[in-house]
């Protein structure tokens, strides 16, 4: 079963323009599916729900033709294109960068290619490099996915959207532990403050 964030699935439905449904109606539909264990399982994840497709009961998926990346004809631009493919591959394999993506997207695994470009370009320039060219970025992503094949940490979603598929289990745990530590430190500071205030009050009464 594939898992997708509830708002992303809703957005895909809206983008397809095949169904007019409000967010509240959609959530109600998912609730019924989950209760009856038909079509989808719906988990009320903190912040928003996550949706899993139940394999049984769905027709076979239609044949999918992977889009062919367009190589620039200009030799200089072609060289930049191949360089961008390597740059993007480096980002996708970098665990530190994956953690940064998780910090922003949390459990959401889908992202538009336009926003992905802005994110990659930002960190690319932050490292002291020249900015990337947006008009060849999507084809560079396609080329990367083809090159990596089953090892790719990113997949194509609906038009203009990609989905990360790298494991986030340890990132999730570390992120949760970080927030737990911050909460504990905050509570400790509050306890210390209350203790100091009590001591100050006692001292004033003496």
N, C-alpha and C. Protein backbone atom coordinates (compact mmCIF):
# COMPACT_ATOMS: atom_id res chain seq x y z
N UNK A 1 0.84 -1.20 0.00
CA UNK A 1 0.00 0.00 0.00
C UNK A 1 0.88 1.25 0.00
N UNK A 2 0.50 2.22 -0.80
CA UNK A 2 1.20 3.49 -0.82
C UNK A 2 0.51 4.46 0.12
N UNK A 3 1.31 5.27 0.80
CA UNK A 3 0.76 6.24 1.75
C UNK A 3 0.91 7.64 1.17
N UNK A 4 -0.12 8.43 1.30
CA UNK A 4 -0.09 9.80 0.82
C UNK A 4 -0.78 10.69 1.84
N UNK A 5 -0.31 11.90 1.97
CA UNK A 5 -0.94 12.84 2.89
C UNK A 5 -2.31 13.23 2.35
N UNK A 6 -3.25 13.36 3.26
CA UNK A 6 -4.64 13.68 2.89
C UNK A 6 -4.75 14.93 2.01
N UNK A 7 -4.10 16.06 2.38
CA UNK A 7 -4.24 17.25 1.52
C UNK A 7 -3.64 17.07 0.14
N UNK A 8 -2.60 16.24 0.03
CA UNK A 8 -2.01 16.00 -1.29
C UNK A 8 -2.96 15.22 -2.18
N UNK A 9 -3.59 14.19 -1.61
CA UNK A 9 -4.56 13.41 -2.38
C UNK A 9 -5.72 14.29 -2.81
N UNK A 10 -6.17 15.14 -1.91
CA UNK A 10 -7.28 16.05 -2.24
C UNK A 10 -6.87 17.00 -3.36
N UNK A 11 -5.63 17.49 -3.29
CA UNK A 11 -5.16 18.40 -4.34
C UNK A 11 -5.10 17.70 -5.69
N UNK A 12 -4.65 16.43 -5.70
CA UNK A 12 -4.60 15.68 -6.95
C UNK A 12 -6.00 15.53 -7.55
N UNK A 13 -6.98 15.29 -6.69
CA UNK A 13 -8.36 15.16 -7.16
C UNK A 13 -8.84 16.48 -7.75
N UNK A 14 -8.52 17.57 -7.09
CA UNK A 14 -8.92 18.89 -7.59
C UNK A 14 -8.23 19.20 -8.91
N UNK A 15 -6.95 18.83 -9.01
CA UNK A 15 -6.20 19.11 -10.24
C UNK A 15 -6.75 18.34 -11.43
N UNK A 16 -7.27 17.13 -11.16
CA UNK A 16 -7.80 16.31 -12.26
C UNK A 16 -9.13 16.86 -12.78
N UNK A 17 -9.78 17.72 -11.98
CA UNK A 17 -11.05 18.35 -12.35
C UNK A 17 -12.13 17.33 -12.70
N UNK A 18 -12.00 16.13 -12.15
CA UNK A 18 -13.00 15.10 -12.44
C UNK A 18 -14.04 14.94 -11.36
N UNK A 19 -13.84 15.63 -10.23
CA UNK A 19 -14.75 15.45 -9.10
C UNK A 19 -14.81 16.73 -8.29
N UNK A 20 -16.02 17.21 -8.06
CA UNK A 20 -16.22 18.40 -7.24
C UNK A 20 -16.60 17.96 -5.84
N UNK A 21 -15.72 18.17 -4.89
CA UNK A 21 -15.96 17.73 -3.52
C UNK A 21 -15.25 18.68 -2.57
N UNK A 22 -15.91 19.01 -1.48
CA UNK A 22 -15.30 19.92 -0.51
C UNK A 22 -14.34 19.13 0.39
N UNK A 23 -13.40 19.82 1.03
CA UNK A 23 -12.49 19.12 1.95
C UNK A 23 -13.23 18.35 3.04
N UNK A 24 -14.32 18.93 3.55
CA UNK A 24 -15.09 18.26 4.60
C UNK A 24 -15.76 16.99 4.07
N UNK A 25 -16.31 17.08 2.86
CA UNK A 25 -16.93 15.90 2.24
C UNK A 25 -15.88 14.83 1.97
N UNK A 26 -14.71 15.26 1.54
CA UNK A 26 -13.64 14.31 1.24
C UNK A 26 -13.19 13.58 2.51
N UNK A 27 -13.05 14.33 3.59
CA UNK A 27 -12.64 13.71 4.85
C UNK A 27 -13.72 12.74 5.34
N UNK A 28 -14.99 13.12 5.15
CA UNK A 28 -16.08 12.21 5.52
C UNK A 28 -16.04 10.93 4.70
N UNK A 29 -15.75 11.07 3.41
CA UNK A 29 -15.64 9.90 2.53
C UNK A 29 -14.52 8.97 3.00
N UNK A 30 -13.37 9.56 3.35
CA UNK A 30 -12.25 8.75 3.82
C UNK A 30 -12.59 8.05 5.13
N UNK A 31 -13.36 8.74 5.97
CA UNK A 31 -13.77 8.13 7.24
C UNK A 31 -14.64 6.91 7.01
N UNK A 32 -15.56 7.00 6.04
CA UNK A 32 -16.43 5.87 5.70
C UNK A 32 -15.60 4.72 5.13
N UNK A 33 -14.66 5.05 4.24
CA UNK A 33 -13.77 4.03 3.66
C UNK A 33 -13.01 3.30 4.76
N UNK A 34 -12.49 4.07 5.70
CA UNK A 34 -11.70 3.47 6.77
C UNK A 34 -12.56 2.57 7.66
N UNK A 35 -13.77 3.03 7.96
CA UNK A 35 -14.66 2.24 8.82
C UNK A 35 -15.05 0.92 8.16
N UNK A 36 -15.30 0.98 6.84
CA UNK A 36 -15.72 -0.22 6.11
C UNK A 36 -14.54 -1.03 5.56
N UNK A 37 -13.32 -0.46 5.70
CA UNK A 37 -12.11 -1.09 5.16
C UNK A 37 -12.27 -1.38 3.67
N UNK A 38 -12.70 -0.36 2.95
CA UNK A 38 -12.87 -0.44 1.50
C UNK A 38 -12.13 0.71 0.83
N UNK A 39 -11.43 0.42 -0.22
CA UNK A 39 -10.71 1.39 -1.05
C UNK A 39 -9.53 2.04 -0.34
N UNK A 40 -9.79 2.70 0.80
CA UNK A 40 -8.72 3.41 1.50
C UNK A 40 -8.74 3.12 3.00
N UNK A 41 -7.56 3.21 3.60
CA UNK A 41 -7.44 3.28 5.05
C UNK A 41 -7.04 4.71 5.38
N UNK A 42 -7.63 5.26 6.42
CA UNK A 42 -7.41 6.66 6.76
C UNK A 42 -6.91 6.76 8.20
N UNK A 43 -5.74 7.33 8.36
CA UNK A 43 -5.14 7.47 9.69
C UNK A 43 -5.15 8.95 10.06
N UNK A 44 -5.79 9.27 11.18
CA UNK A 44 -5.86 10.66 11.63
C UNK A 44 -4.51 11.07 12.20
N UNK A 45 -3.60 11.36 11.32
CA UNK A 45 -2.24 11.74 11.74
C UNK A 45 -2.28 13.14 12.32
N UNK A 46 -1.45 13.42 13.33
CA UNK A 46 -1.42 14.79 13.89
C UNK A 46 -1.21 15.84 12.81
N UNK A 47 -2.10 16.79 12.75
CA UNK A 47 -1.99 17.86 11.76
C UNK A 47 -2.86 17.61 10.55
N UNK A 48 -2.77 16.44 9.98
CA UNK A 48 -3.63 16.04 8.87
C UNK A 48 -3.56 14.52 8.75
N UNK A 49 -4.49 13.95 8.02
CA UNK A 49 -4.53 12.50 7.91
C UNK A 49 -3.61 11.96 6.84
N UNK A 50 -3.30 10.68 6.94
CA UNK A 50 -2.58 9.99 5.88
C UNK A 50 -3.49 8.91 5.32
N UNK A 51 -3.40 8.70 4.02
CA UNK A 51 -4.30 7.79 3.33
C UNK A 51 -3.50 6.65 2.70
N UNK A 52 -3.98 5.42 2.88
CA UNK A 52 -3.36 4.24 2.27
C UNK A 52 -4.38 3.57 1.36
N UNK A 53 -3.93 3.16 0.19
CA UNK A 53 -4.83 2.48 -0.74
C UNK A 53 -4.87 0.99 -0.44
N UNK A 54 -6.07 0.44 -0.32
CA UNK A 54 -6.24 -1.00 -0.15
C UNK A 54 -6.20 -1.64 -1.53
N UNK A 55 -5.29 -2.56 -1.74
CA UNK A 55 -5.07 -3.13 -3.07
C UNK A 55 -6.32 -3.81 -3.62
N UNK A 56 -7.02 -4.58 -2.77
CA UNK A 56 -8.19 -5.33 -3.23
C UNK A 56 -9.31 -4.38 -3.64
N UNK A 57 -9.97 -4.69 -4.74
CA UNK A 57 -11.13 -3.92 -5.16
C UNK A 57 -10.84 -2.85 -6.19
N UNK A 58 -9.57 -2.65 -6.52
CA UNK A 58 -9.21 -1.65 -7.53
C UNK A 58 -8.93 -2.34 -8.86
N UNK A 59 -9.30 -1.71 -9.98
CA UNK A 59 -8.97 -2.30 -11.29
C UNK A 59 -7.47 -2.19 -11.54
N UNK A 60 -6.93 -2.98 -12.46
CA UNK A 60 -5.50 -2.88 -12.77
C UNK A 60 -5.14 -1.46 -13.21
N UNK A 61 -3.97 -1.03 -12.81
CA UNK A 61 -3.53 0.32 -13.18
C UNK A 61 -3.27 0.39 -14.68
N UNK A 62 -3.61 1.51 -15.31
CA UNK A 62 -3.35 1.64 -16.75
C UNK A 62 -1.85 1.68 -17.02
N UNK A 63 -1.49 1.34 -18.24
CA UNK A 63 -0.07 1.35 -18.61
C UNK A 63 0.47 2.78 -18.53
N UNK A 64 1.64 2.90 -17.95
CA UNK A 64 2.23 4.23 -17.77
C UNK A 64 3.48 4.35 -18.63
N UNK A 65 3.53 5.40 -19.40
CA UNK A 65 4.71 5.67 -20.24
C UNK A 65 5.53 6.77 -19.59
N UNK A 66 6.76 6.45 -19.25
CA UNK A 66 7.62 7.43 -18.59
C UNK A 66 8.02 8.51 -19.60
N UNK A 67 7.85 9.77 -19.24
CA UNK A 67 8.22 10.85 -20.17
C UNK A 67 9.72 10.84 -20.46
N UNK A 68 10.06 11.16 -21.68
CA UNK A 68 11.47 11.15 -22.09
C UNK A 68 12.10 12.51 -21.82
N UNK A 69 13.21 12.54 -21.08
CA UNK A 69 13.89 13.82 -20.85
C UNK A 69 14.38 14.41 -22.17
N UNK A 70 14.30 15.71 -22.30
CA UNK A 70 14.75 16.38 -23.51
C UNK A 70 16.16 16.93 -23.29
N UNK A 71 17.11 16.38 -24.04
CA UNK A 71 18.49 16.87 -23.93
C UNK A 71 18.63 18.16 -24.73
N UNK A 72 19.23 19.18 -24.15
CA UNK A 72 19.45 20.42 -24.90
C UNK A 72 20.35 20.16 -26.11
N UNK A 73 20.04 20.82 -27.22
CA UNK A 73 20.83 20.63 -28.44
C UNK A 73 22.16 21.38 -28.37
N UNK A 74 22.13 22.53 -27.71
CA UNK A 74 23.35 23.34 -27.61
C UNK A 74 24.38 22.62 -26.74
N UNK A 75 25.61 22.43 -27.24
CA UNK A 75 26.64 21.69 -26.49
C UNK A 75 26.91 22.26 -25.10
N UNK A 76 26.97 23.59 -24.99
CA UNK A 76 27.23 24.20 -23.70
C UNK A 76 26.08 23.94 -22.73
N UNK A 77 24.86 24.10 -23.24
CA UNK A 77 23.68 23.88 -22.40
C UNK A 77 23.56 22.39 -22.04
N UNK A 78 23.96 21.53 -22.97
CA UNK A 78 23.92 20.09 -22.70
C UNK A 78 24.89 19.74 -21.56
N UNK A 79 26.05 20.39 -21.57
CA UNK A 79 27.03 20.17 -20.51
C UNK A 79 26.46 20.63 -19.16
N UNK A 80 25.79 21.78 -19.18
CA UNK A 80 25.17 22.29 -17.95
C UNK A 80 24.05 21.36 -17.48
N UNK A 81 23.33 20.81 -18.45
CA UNK A 81 22.25 19.89 -18.13
C UNK A 81 22.77 18.65 -17.41
N UNK A 82 23.83 18.06 -17.95
CA UNK A 82 24.41 16.87 -17.33
C UNK A 82 24.99 17.20 -15.95
N UNK A 83 25.54 18.41 -15.84
CA UNK A 83 26.05 18.85 -14.54
C UNK A 83 24.92 18.99 -13.52
N UNK A 84 23.77 19.46 -14.00
CA UNK A 84 22.62 19.61 -13.12
C UNK A 84 22.10 18.25 -12.67
N UNK A 85 22.14 17.27 -13.57
CA UNK A 85 21.72 15.91 -13.21
C UNK A 85 22.59 15.39 -12.06
N UNK A 86 23.90 15.60 -12.18
CA UNK A 86 24.82 15.15 -11.13
C UNK A 86 24.61 15.92 -9.83
N UNK A 87 24.36 17.22 -9.97
CA UNK A 87 24.11 18.05 -8.78
C UNK A 87 22.87 17.56 -8.04
N UNK A 88 21.81 17.31 -8.80
CA UNK A 88 20.57 16.86 -8.18
C UNK A 88 20.74 15.49 -7.54
N UNK A 89 21.49 14.62 -8.20
CA UNK A 89 21.75 13.29 -7.64
C UNK A 89 22.48 13.41 -6.31
N UNK A 90 23.41 14.36 -6.24
CA UNK A 90 24.14 14.58 -4.99
C UNK A 90 23.23 15.02 -3.87
N UNK A 91 22.29 15.91 -4.19
CA UNK A 91 21.33 16.36 -3.18
C UNK A 91 20.47 15.19 -2.69
N UNK A 92 19.97 14.40 -3.64
CA UNK A 92 19.04 13.33 -3.28
C UNK A 92 19.69 12.25 -2.43
N UNK A 93 21.00 12.08 -2.55
CA UNK A 93 21.69 11.05 -1.78
C UNK A 93 22.26 11.58 -0.47
N UNK A 94 22.14 12.89 -0.26
CA UNK A 94 22.71 13.51 0.93
C UNK A 94 21.71 13.42 2.09
N UNK A 95 22.08 12.69 3.13
CA UNK A 95 21.16 12.48 4.24
C UNK A 95 20.86 13.79 4.98
N UNK A 96 21.85 14.66 5.05
CA UNK A 96 21.63 15.94 5.71
C UNK A 96 20.58 16.76 4.98
N UNK A 97 20.64 16.73 3.65
CA UNK A 97 19.65 17.47 2.86
C UNK A 97 18.27 16.83 2.99
N UNK A 98 18.24 15.51 3.07
CA UNK A 98 16.97 14.82 3.27
C UNK A 98 16.33 15.24 4.59
N UNK A 99 17.17 15.43 5.60
CA UNK A 99 16.64 15.89 6.90
C UNK A 99 16.08 17.31 6.79
N UNK A 100 16.76 18.15 6.00
CA UNK A 100 16.26 19.52 5.80
C UNK A 100 14.90 19.50 5.11
N UNK A 101 14.76 18.64 4.12
CA UNK A 101 13.47 18.52 3.42
C UNK A 101 12.39 18.08 4.39
N UNK A 102 12.73 17.12 5.26
CA UNK A 102 11.74 16.62 6.22
C UNK A 102 11.35 17.72 7.20
N UNK A 103 12.31 18.54 7.60
CA UNK A 103 12.01 19.63 8.53
C UNK A 103 10.95 20.55 7.96
N UNK A 104 10.97 20.72 6.63
CA UNK A 104 9.98 21.59 6.00
C UNK A 104 8.69 20.86 5.67
N UNK A 105 8.81 19.67 5.06
CA UNK A 105 7.62 18.97 4.57
C UNK A 105 6.98 18.05 5.59
N UNK A 106 7.73 17.68 6.64
CA UNK A 106 7.24 16.69 7.62
C UNK A 106 6.87 15.40 6.90
N UNK A 107 5.67 14.88 7.17
CA UNK A 107 5.29 13.58 6.61
C UNK A 107 4.86 13.66 5.15
N UNK A 108 4.69 14.86 4.64
CA UNK A 108 4.29 15.02 3.25
C UNK A 108 5.44 14.59 2.34
N UNK A 109 5.17 13.70 1.42
CA UNK A 109 6.24 13.21 0.54
C UNK A 109 6.16 13.81 -0.86
N UNK A 110 5.08 14.50 -1.18
CA UNK A 110 4.91 15.08 -2.51
C UNK A 110 5.33 16.54 -2.51
N UNK A 111 5.91 16.97 -3.61
CA UNK A 111 6.34 18.36 -3.75
C UNK A 111 6.29 18.72 -5.23
N UNK A 112 5.91 19.94 -5.54
CA UNK A 112 5.89 20.35 -6.94
C UNK A 112 7.33 20.51 -7.43
N UNK A 113 7.52 20.27 -8.71
CA UNK A 113 8.86 20.40 -9.28
C UNK A 113 9.34 21.84 -9.19
N UNK A 114 8.41 22.78 -9.33
CA UNK A 114 8.78 24.20 -9.23
C UNK A 114 9.35 24.53 -7.86
N UNK A 115 8.68 24.02 -6.81
CA UNK A 115 9.18 24.30 -5.47
C UNK A 115 10.46 23.53 -5.20
N UNK A 116 10.55 22.32 -5.72
CA UNK A 116 11.77 21.53 -5.55
C UNK A 116 12.95 22.27 -6.16
N UNK A 117 12.73 22.89 -7.31
CA UNK A 117 13.80 23.66 -7.94
C UNK A 117 14.26 24.79 -7.02
N UNK A 118 13.30 25.53 -6.47
CA UNK A 118 13.65 26.65 -5.59
C UNK A 118 14.47 26.16 -4.40
N UNK A 119 14.09 25.01 -3.87
CA UNK A 119 14.76 24.47 -2.69
C UNK A 119 16.19 24.03 -3.04
N UNK A 120 16.33 23.29 -4.14
CA UNK A 120 17.65 22.82 -4.57
C UNK A 120 18.53 24.00 -4.95
N UNK A 121 17.97 24.94 -5.69
CA UNK A 121 18.74 26.10 -6.15
C UNK A 121 19.22 26.93 -4.96
N UNK A 122 18.37 27.06 -3.95
CA UNK A 122 18.74 27.83 -2.75
C UNK A 122 19.99 27.25 -2.09
N UNK A 123 19.97 25.94 -1.86
CA UNK A 123 21.10 25.31 -1.18
C UNK A 123 22.32 25.20 -2.10
N UNK A 124 22.07 25.12 -3.39
CA UNK A 124 23.18 25.08 -4.35
C UNK A 124 23.93 26.41 -4.32
N UNK A 125 23.20 27.51 -4.32
CA UNK A 125 23.83 28.84 -4.28
C UNK A 125 24.41 29.13 -2.90
N UNK A 126 23.76 28.58 -1.87
CA UNK A 126 24.26 28.78 -0.50
C UNK A 126 25.64 28.16 -0.34
N UNK A 127 25.92 27.11 -1.13
CA UNK A 127 27.23 26.45 -1.08
C UNK A 127 28.26 27.18 -1.93
N UNK A 128 27.87 28.34 -2.50
CA UNK A 128 28.81 29.14 -3.27
C UNK A 128 28.81 28.85 -4.76
N UNK A 129 27.80 28.13 -5.24
CA UNK A 129 27.72 27.78 -6.66
C UNK A 129 26.84 28.76 -7.43
N UNK A 130 26.96 28.72 -8.74
CA UNK A 130 26.11 29.54 -9.61
C UNK A 130 24.71 28.95 -9.62
N UNK A 131 23.70 29.81 -9.72
CA UNK A 131 22.32 29.35 -9.72
C UNK A 131 22.01 28.40 -10.87
N UNK A 132 21.06 27.51 -10.65
CA UNK A 132 20.66 26.53 -11.66
C UNK A 132 19.66 27.16 -12.63
N UNK A 133 19.50 26.54 -13.79
CA UNK A 133 18.57 27.04 -14.80
C UNK A 133 17.22 26.32 -14.65
N UNK A 134 16.16 27.07 -14.34
CA UNK A 134 14.87 26.43 -14.09
C UNK A 134 14.28 25.72 -15.30
N UNK A 135 14.56 26.21 -16.52
CA UNK A 135 13.90 25.64 -17.69
C UNK A 135 14.45 24.28 -18.11
N UNK A 136 15.55 23.83 -17.53
CA UNK A 136 16.02 22.48 -17.83
C UNK A 136 16.00 21.60 -16.57
N UNK A 137 15.50 22.15 -15.47
CA UNK A 137 15.53 21.41 -14.21
C UNK A 137 14.63 20.17 -14.25
N UNK A 138 13.41 20.33 -14.76
CA UNK A 138 12.48 19.19 -14.77
C UNK A 138 13.04 18.03 -15.58
N UNK A 139 13.65 18.33 -16.73
CA UNK A 139 14.24 17.26 -17.54
C UNK A 139 15.44 16.64 -16.82
N UNK A 140 16.15 17.45 -16.05
CA UNK A 140 17.27 16.91 -15.27
C UNK A 140 16.77 15.94 -14.21
N UNK A 141 15.63 16.28 -13.60
CA UNK A 141 15.03 15.39 -12.60
C UNK A 141 14.59 14.08 -13.27
N UNK A 142 13.96 14.19 -14.44
CA UNK A 142 13.54 12.99 -15.18
C UNK A 142 14.75 12.11 -15.51
N UNK A 143 15.83 12.76 -15.95
CA UNK A 143 17.03 12.00 -16.30
C UNK A 143 17.60 11.31 -15.07
N UNK A 144 17.58 12.00 -13.94
CA UNK A 144 18.07 11.41 -12.70
C UNK A 144 17.26 10.17 -12.33
N UNK A 145 15.94 10.27 -12.43
CA UNK A 145 15.07 9.14 -12.08
C UNK A 145 15.35 7.96 -13.01
N UNK A 146 15.54 8.24 -14.29
CA UNK A 146 15.86 7.16 -15.24
C UNK A 146 17.22 6.54 -14.93
N UNK A 147 18.20 7.37 -14.63
CA UNK A 147 19.55 6.87 -14.35
C UNK A 147 19.57 5.99 -13.11
N UNK A 148 18.85 6.42 -12.09
CA UNK A 148 18.86 5.69 -10.81
C UNK A 148 17.95 4.46 -10.85
N UNK A 149 16.93 4.51 -11.69
CA UNK A 149 15.99 3.41 -11.84
C UNK A 149 15.38 3.03 -10.48
N UNK A 150 15.49 1.76 -10.08
CA UNK A 150 14.87 1.31 -8.83
C UNK A 150 15.55 1.90 -7.60
N UNK A 151 16.75 2.44 -7.77
CA UNK A 151 17.48 3.01 -6.63
C UNK A 151 17.14 4.48 -6.42
N UNK A 152 16.33 5.03 -7.30
CA UNK A 152 15.98 6.45 -7.19
C UNK A 152 15.24 6.71 -5.88
N UNK A 153 15.56 7.82 -5.26
CA UNK A 153 14.91 8.20 -4.01
C UNK A 153 13.78 9.20 -4.27
N UNK A 154 13.41 9.30 -5.53
CA UNK A 154 12.32 10.21 -5.91
C UNK A 154 11.57 9.59 -7.08
N UNK A 155 10.26 9.78 -7.11
CA UNK A 155 9.41 9.23 -8.16
C UNK A 155 8.57 10.35 -8.77
N UNK A 156 8.05 10.08 -9.96
CA UNK A 156 7.13 11.02 -10.58
C UNK A 156 5.73 10.82 -10.01
N UNK A 157 5.05 11.92 -9.73
CA UNK A 157 3.66 11.87 -9.31
C UNK A 157 2.79 12.41 -10.43
N UNK A 158 1.66 13.01 -10.09
CA UNK A 158 0.86 13.67 -11.12
C UNK A 158 1.68 14.77 -11.81
N UNK A 159 1.17 15.29 -12.89
CA UNK A 159 1.92 16.27 -13.68
C UNK A 159 2.43 17.41 -12.81
N UNK A 160 3.74 17.65 -12.91
CA UNK A 160 4.34 18.74 -12.16
C UNK A 160 4.66 18.43 -10.72
N UNK A 161 4.52 17.16 -10.33
CA UNK A 161 4.72 16.77 -8.93
C UNK A 161 5.67 15.58 -8.86
N UNK A 162 6.53 15.57 -7.86
CA UNK A 162 7.39 14.41 -7.61
C UNK A 162 7.16 13.95 -6.17
N UNK A 163 7.54 12.71 -5.90
CA UNK A 163 7.36 12.15 -4.56
C UNK A 163 8.67 11.57 -4.06
N UNK A 164 9.07 11.98 -2.86
CA UNK A 164 10.25 11.41 -2.24
C UNK A 164 9.93 10.01 -1.72
N UNK A 165 10.87 9.09 -1.86
CA UNK A 165 10.62 7.75 -1.35
C UNK A 165 11.76 7.25 -0.46
N UNK A 166 12.68 8.14 -0.10
CA UNK A 166 13.74 7.71 0.82
C UNK A 166 13.15 7.49 2.21
N UNK A 167 13.78 6.60 2.95
CA UNK A 167 13.28 6.25 4.28
C UNK A 167 13.42 7.43 5.24
N UNK A 168 12.37 7.69 6.00
CA UNK A 168 12.41 8.82 6.95
C UNK A 168 12.25 8.34 8.39
N UNK A 169 12.32 7.02 8.60
CA UNK A 169 12.10 6.49 9.94
C UNK A 169 13.02 7.08 10.99
N UNK A 170 14.34 7.05 10.72
CA UNK A 170 15.29 7.57 11.70
C UNK A 170 15.21 9.09 11.80
N UNK A 171 14.91 9.75 10.67
CA UNK A 171 14.78 11.21 10.69
C UNK A 171 13.59 11.61 11.55
N UNK A 172 12.50 10.87 11.40
CA UNK A 172 11.29 11.14 12.19
C UNK A 172 11.58 10.98 13.68
N UNK A 173 12.29 9.91 14.04
CA UNK A 173 12.59 9.65 15.44
C UNK A 173 13.49 10.73 16.03
N UNK A 174 14.52 11.12 15.27
CA UNK A 174 15.43 12.16 15.75
C UNK A 174 14.70 13.49 15.90
N UNK A 175 13.81 13.77 14.96
CA UNK A 175 13.06 15.02 15.02
C UNK A 175 12.13 15.03 16.23
N UNK A 176 11.49 13.88 16.48
CA UNK A 176 10.61 13.77 17.64
C UNK A 176 11.40 13.91 18.93
N UNK A 177 12.59 13.27 18.97
CA UNK A 177 13.43 13.35 20.17
C UNK A 177 13.89 14.78 20.42
N UNK A 178 14.19 15.49 19.33
CA UNK A 178 14.63 16.88 19.45
C UNK A 178 13.54 17.73 20.09
N UNK A 179 12.30 17.55 19.60
CA UNK A 179 11.19 18.34 20.15
C UNK A 179 10.91 17.93 21.59
N UNK A 180 11.09 16.63 21.89
CA UNK A 180 10.88 16.17 23.26
C UNK A 180 11.90 16.81 24.19
N UNK A 181 13.16 16.86 23.74
CA UNK A 181 14.21 17.50 24.54
C UNK A 181 13.91 18.98 24.75
N UNK A 182 13.44 19.64 23.68
CA UNK A 182 13.11 21.06 23.80
C UNK A 182 11.97 21.27 24.78
N UNK A 183 10.96 20.39 24.71
CA UNK A 183 9.83 20.50 25.64
C UNK A 183 10.29 20.25 27.08
N UNK A 184 11.17 19.25 27.26
CA UNK A 184 11.67 18.95 28.60
C UNK A 184 12.48 20.12 29.15
N UNK A 185 13.32 20.71 28.29
CA UNK A 185 14.11 21.86 28.72
C UNK A 185 13.22 23.04 29.09
N UNK A 186 12.16 23.21 28.30
CA UNK A 186 11.24 24.31 28.59
C UNK A 186 10.54 24.08 29.93
N UNK A 187 10.09 22.83 30.16
CA UNK A 187 9.42 22.53 31.43
C UNK A 187 10.38 22.68 32.60
N UNK A 188 11.65 22.27 32.38
CA UNK A 188 12.65 22.42 33.44
C UNK A 188 12.86 23.89 33.77
N UNK A 189 12.96 24.72 32.74
CA UNK A 189 13.15 26.15 32.95
C UNK A 189 11.97 26.75 33.71
N UNK A 190 10.77 26.28 33.37
CA UNK A 190 9.58 26.78 34.06
C UNK A 190 9.59 26.36 35.53
N UNK A 191 10.03 25.13 35.81
CA UNK A 191 10.10 24.66 37.20
C UNK A 191 11.13 25.47 37.99
N UNK A 192 12.27 25.73 37.35
CA UNK A 192 13.31 26.53 38.01
C UNK A 192 12.80 27.93 38.29
N UNK A 193 12.08 28.50 37.32
CA UNK A 193 11.53 29.84 37.51
C UNK A 193 10.54 29.87 38.67
N UNK A 194 9.64 28.87 38.71
CA UNK A 194 8.66 28.82 39.80
C UNK A 194 9.35 28.65 41.15
N UNK A 195 10.41 27.82 41.19
CA UNK A 195 11.16 27.62 42.43
C UNK A 195 11.81 28.92 42.89
N UNK A 196 12.43 29.63 41.94
CA UNK A 196 13.10 30.89 42.29
C UNK A 196 12.09 31.93 42.77
N UNK A 197 10.90 31.92 42.14
CA UNK A 197 9.87 32.87 42.56
C UNK A 197 9.38 32.55 43.97
N UNK A 198 9.25 31.26 44.27
CA UNK A 198 8.82 30.87 45.62
C UNK A 198 9.87 31.28 46.65
N UNK A 199 11.14 31.05 46.32
CA UNK A 199 12.22 31.42 47.24
C UNK A 199 12.25 32.93 47.45
N UNK A 200 12.02 33.67 46.36
CA UNK A 200 12.01 35.13 46.48
C UNK A 200 10.86 35.59 47.35
N UNK A 201 9.70 34.92 47.20
CA UNK A 201 8.53 35.28 48.01
C UNK A 201 8.78 34.99 49.48
N UNK A 202 9.42 33.85 49.77
CA UNK A 202 9.74 33.49 51.16
C UNK A 202 10.71 34.50 51.75
N UNK A 203 11.70 34.88 50.96
CA UNK A 203 12.71 35.83 51.44
C UNK A 203 12.07 37.18 51.77
N UNK A 204 11.08 37.58 50.98
CA UNK A 204 10.42 38.86 51.23
C UNK A 204 9.60 38.83 52.52
N UNK A 205 9.06 37.66 52.86
CA UNK A 205 8.23 37.56 54.06
C UNK A 205 9.07 37.55 55.34
N UNK A 206 10.35 37.24 55.21
CA UNK A 206 11.20 37.18 56.41
C UNK A 206 11.55 38.58 56.90
